[in-house]
Amino acid sequence: MPEKKFVFVITESYEKPNRVAGALQLATNMRALDIEVDFFLMDSGVLLAREGFAESLIWQSKGQFSQVAELMKTLIDDFDTKFFICASCVKHHELDSVPLIKNSEIKPGSFLAEMLLERQGMSF
């Protein structure tokens, strides 16, 4: 089977925590199968890169998916997954002066374009 690579584009956070959790759950399952998955965070999805933010998503439906914070911890600590942050969204969401999560890096939209040349994109 050819090696597949994916980039998950997350554009929401507090508005739809179940959607975010579903994306993270799928990514965790894919990483457990040694499939390469990284994230590009845009719009309010960039808030997931703010240290401690994922723990605040407590209004997620119970029992549907694992909690966002737990999934992110697994992806980062166990699978070394990268979370790229849209540079254009940083200032608007006030991320320029707060601590960011481990394995996160600010990148321009052109970086996402380059990733999409090599990877299959999935938007959430």
Protein backbone atom coordinates (compact mmCIF):
# COMPACT_ATOMS: atom_id res chain seq x y z
CA MET A 1 0.00 0.00 0.00
CA PRO A 2 1.43 3.43 -0.91
CA GLU A 3 2.29 5.69 2.00
CA LYS A 4 -0.41 8.32 2.45
CA LYS A 5 0.02 11.65 4.21
CA PHE A 6 -2.72 13.95 5.44
CA VAL A 7 -3.16 17.50 6.65
CA PHE A 8 -6.25 18.18 8.72
CA VAL A 9 -7.41 21.80 8.42
CA ILE A 10 -9.30 22.86 11.55
CA THR A 11 -11.28 26.11 11.22
CA GLU A 12 -13.41 25.97 14.36
CA SER A 13 -12.93 25.44 18.07
CA TYR A 14 -15.38 26.60 20.75
CA GLU A 15 -18.26 26.85 18.25
CA LYS A 16 -18.26 23.14 17.43
CA PRO A 17 -16.16 21.18 19.93
CA ASN A 18 -17.68 17.86 18.80
CA ARG A 19 -16.49 18.49 15.25
CA VAL A 20 -13.00 19.27 16.54
CA ALA A 21 -13.06 16.15 18.73
CA GLY A 22 -14.14 14.02 15.77
CA ALA A 23 -11.22 15.29 13.69
CA LEU A 24 -8.76 14.71 16.52
CA GLN A 25 -10.19 11.22 17.17
CA LEU A 26 -9.81 10.29 13.49
CA ALA A 27 -6.26 11.65 13.45
CA THR A 28 -5.38 9.67 16.58
CA ASN A 29 -6.71 6.48 15.01
CA MET A 30 -4.78 7.17 11.81
CA ARG A 31 -1.54 7.88 13.71
CA ALA A 32 -1.99 4.57 15.55
CA LEU A 33 -1.85 2.97 12.08
CA ASP A 34 1.40 4.87 11.32
CA ILE A 35 -0.32 7.20 8.86
CA GLU A 36 1.29 10.64 8.82
CA VAL A 37 -1.13 13.37 9.93
CA ASP A 38 -0.42 16.98 10.84
CA PHE A 39 -2.76 19.91 11.43
CA PHE A 40 -3.12 23.40 10.01
CA LEU A 41 -5.20 25.63 12.28
CA MET A 42 -7.14 28.55 10.78
CA ASP A 43 -9.85 31.00 11.83
CA SER A 44 -10.98 30.20 15.39
CA GLY A 45 -9.27 26.81 15.08
CA VAL A 46 -6.02 28.60 15.94
CA LEU A 47 -7.27 28.92 19.52
CA LEU A 48 -6.52 25.21 19.95
CA ALA A 49 -2.83 26.18 19.87
CA ARG A 50 -3.24 28.43 22.91
CA GLU A 51 -1.83 26.63 25.94
CA GLY A 52 -4.71 25.53 28.19
CA PHE A 53 -7.47 26.31 25.68
CA ALA A 54 -8.31 22.69 24.86
CA GLU A 55 -8.98 22.03 28.54
CA SER A 56 -11.66 24.76 28.45
CA LEU A 57 -13.80 22.90 25.89
CA ILE A 58 -15.94 21.28 28.56
CA TRP A 59 -19.29 21.60 26.75
CA GLN A 60 -18.42 18.80 24.35
CA SER A 61 -21.06 16.03 24.17
CA LYS A 62 -20.31 13.27 26.65
CA GLY A 63 -19.55 9.80 25.35
CA GLN A 64 -19.37 10.66 21.64
CA PHE A 65 -15.60 11.21 21.36
CA SER A 66 -12.71 11.44 23.78
CA GLN A 67 -12.18 14.91 25.20
CA VAL A 68 -10.35 17.42 22.97
CA ALA A 69 -7.60 18.02 25.54
CA GLU A 70 -6.94 14.27 25.95
CA LEU A 71 -6.80 13.73 22.20
CA MET A 72 -4.42 16.64 21.68
CA LYS A 73 -2.15 15.37 24.46
CA THR A 74 -2.04 11.92 22.84
CA LEU A 75 -1.34 13.33 19.38
CA ILE A 76 1.44 15.58 20.68
CA ASP A 77 3.08 13.40 23.33
CA ASP A 78 2.63 9.93 21.87
CA PHE A 79 2.68 10.62 18.12
CA ASP A 80 4.70 13.87 17.84
CA THR A 81 1.96 15.39 15.66
CA LYS A 82 2.56 18.98 14.49
CA PHE A 83 0.03 21.80 14.77
CA PHE A 84 0.76 24.59 12.29
CA ILE A 85 -0.93 27.92 13.04
CA CYS A 86 -2.11 30.28 10.30
CA ALA A 87 0.10 33.35 10.58
CA SER A 88 -2.71 35.67 9.42
CA CYS A 89 -4.94 34.51 12.29
CA VAL A 90 -2.44 34.94 15.13
CA LYS A 91 -2.90 38.65 15.84
CA HIS A 92 -6.70 38.60 15.34
CA HIS A 93 -7.05 35.84 17.96
CA GLU A 94 -4.43 37.42 20.27
CA LEU A 95 -2.00 34.52 20.12
CA ASP A 96 1.03 36.74 19.59
CA SER A 97 1.64 37.22 23.33
CA VAL A 98 0.49 33.96 24.96
CA PRO A 99 2.16 30.58 25.44
CA LEU A 100 1.45 28.06 22.69
CA ILE A 101 1.17 24.28 22.87
CA LYS A 102 4.13 22.00 22.30
CA ASN A 103 4.68 21.02 18.63
CA SER A 104 3.01 24.18 17.33
CA GLU A 105 4.53 26.55 14.83
CA ILE A 106 3.24 29.69 13.11
CA LYS A 107 3.25 29.37 9.32
CA PRO A 108 1.85 31.41 6.40
CA GLY A 109 -1.01 30.19 4.25
CA SER A 110 1.50 29.42 1.51
CA PHE A 111 2.87 26.67 3.76
CA LEU A 112 -0.56 25.02 3.73
CA ALA A 113 -0.58 25.28 -0.06
CA GLU A 114 2.78 23.49 -0.18
CA MET A 115 1.55 20.79 2.19
CA LEU A 116 -1.50 20.20 -0.01
CA LEU A 117 0.77 19.50 -2.98
CA GLU A 118 2.14 16.47 -1.08
CA ARG A 119 -0.76 15.46 1.16
CA GLN A 120 -4.44 14.85 1.09
CA GLY A 121 -6.30 17.63 2.85
CA MET A 122 -9.31 17.15 5.10
CA SER A 123 -11.24 20.13 6.45
CA PHE A 124 -13.15 20.25 9.69
